[in-house]
């Protein structure tokens, strides 16, 4: 079943020119789609070991080169790459660039308040990393020990990553704002003795009491011996004598150089570094002198790969963004691009839809001519948002790369190459290097050959940055990814391959709704709703139904100019309202009557994590009346949103079921 949208799905948008004007660099791989196919073919062909060997040796610096390229497989979950080589992640990301150009900007630190923003050179970063590494050694950290990083998005968090890598310790970044209970679970699971944190975080003008949360977590974490506290806001916080110390005091007393500790590649250090390097270089067509802007959080894998390791491995300036897209105004992203002359931006579809809903006036007043590539990740992007990104932000001259990957893959699985692959609005396009993908029939595991097919997405072969296990639970790792379809890696997502071979991600397999035998993805229904000019964002969930098996329930937020007044809000929350009827008719027209929502709720805001992902599980629980068991809410951006949603659902009146 092809994507069902109002937009023409066969239209393609050209790649970047192989002969760009205005002094722009030529793309690494350019010309046409055959240039992509030729290079991709080398990465999966009979001599793919040779291709990967050359990339590993030319991209990374080794203390001792590896002998074998790869081994193991999906059957036993014993994948390994470059297993007998020795290198250090910090040396590759920092030292080799510091020695070449110490005064070059390593980081653009865009603080919560724009006036506090500044650049950090490789020399500054080198000094901070070395001093922090020596402090960690003083605390007894050694190779293999886990250091918990529970910090705000200041540039020091990058130093924390690299300091751990420098001495061979394992960094475990916990998203700043997770609850004390969630933090404590991660501390105990990792057996960590050392925590790096801050007095407070600050985001969108609001403070997050990080040290207070750490203090609340530690009574049930007896292994913790050291807490190093970075002074971000100057707030008065409790300091436990003998355990808690100030970051600035400790680093000031530490030696300014700490030798790198060579690390044998037991798991995926080299494999991860190599794929991070290649993904940033080729997916975003990064060149020397670029200024790379991934507006994510390092608490998630997107930040690991596209804020810390990928850009710094390439020696280009990376961006650490502490705030939110709408603070202090919805022009914040575009202010940054204009001010710092950022060349690539990478963000989530949720942020793109949010900024689109605020109006074009926040975009068009800025000089965005430095931009070449616009990236998106985290969930499928609907065509309307893709086209706004392409036309309004990119002004029709930037490549849009819709990248598909996940925490477990470490780097891109599907993505266009900006200089070679024509794109389609809403499609992730074609596999990245090293990925040979299949679409299987979900129930039988049968390979679906040819184009125009839809099923579950799997990989036939392993790749260097693949996660090797789930910490402390290898059986769960095998059961989740390797055993559902033996011989393949199962991503957990559905996919459609169109008549031209382009891949369209349909969302999580568990986000498929089955209404009277009609299977559809939530992303498909959401995209149909988003085609309405009044809709800013939408989230669709499947709810058990005694007659149809499941029914479609849609939560819709409106663009500011379409928000109902206080007098009409009660009317506009449910199906009888004219807008809800119009939206239902639109879904019927675009997809079919079977997809018509049983209920449409007009809500003021979607429940989102601080990284911008909509928490659909909360919406499901609210609809079925499980409001007393919503689960872990520590990552939600604004808890007050939940109460507003509960009120809307409670006040909604019964509506006629969709006619099938």
Foldseek 3Di string as FASTA:
>chain_A
DDQFAPDDFPDWAAFAAQDDPPPDHGFPFFDAQVSVVVLQCCCADPNNLVVQLVLLPVLFDFPAFADGAWDDFLQVLFTDGSQFTKDFLLCLLAVVLCVVPQAQFAEFECAQPNVPTDTDGSVNLLQLLFLVLQLVVVVVDAAAAEEEEQEFLGPVVLSVCSSCRQRNYHYQYAYHQFALQVVLVVCVLRLHQEYEYECWAAALNDIGRRLVRPVVNCVVNVNHQAYEYEYDPVDDDDADPRHYDYSVVSSVPGDRHDGGDIDRCNFFPSQLLSQLQCQCCFQQVDDPPAAAAEAFDCNFLCCVSRAHRHQSSVPHYHYRHRYACQVVHVLVVLVCCQVVVHAEYEAELLNLLQSVLADLVSAPVGPNVSYAEYEYEDWFHFLVSQVCCCCRNVVPNHHYWYFYDHRQQSHGQAIDGSNYYTDGRRFNFGGDRNWDKFFAAQPPRHTDDAAFDKHFIWTQTHGRRGGSADRPCRVVVSVQFDPSRHNIGGPQWMWHQHNVRIIHTLGGPVQWEFFQNDTHGQVSLQSLLVVDQFFSGKGWHWAQDPPGRTFIEMETETRPVNDDDPVCQLVPAWCVRPVNVVSQVSSCVRPRLSNRGQIYGYAHDFWAFPSRHGPVLLVRCLLVVNNVPSDRPSRTDDVVSSVRSSVRNVSYDGDDGGDD
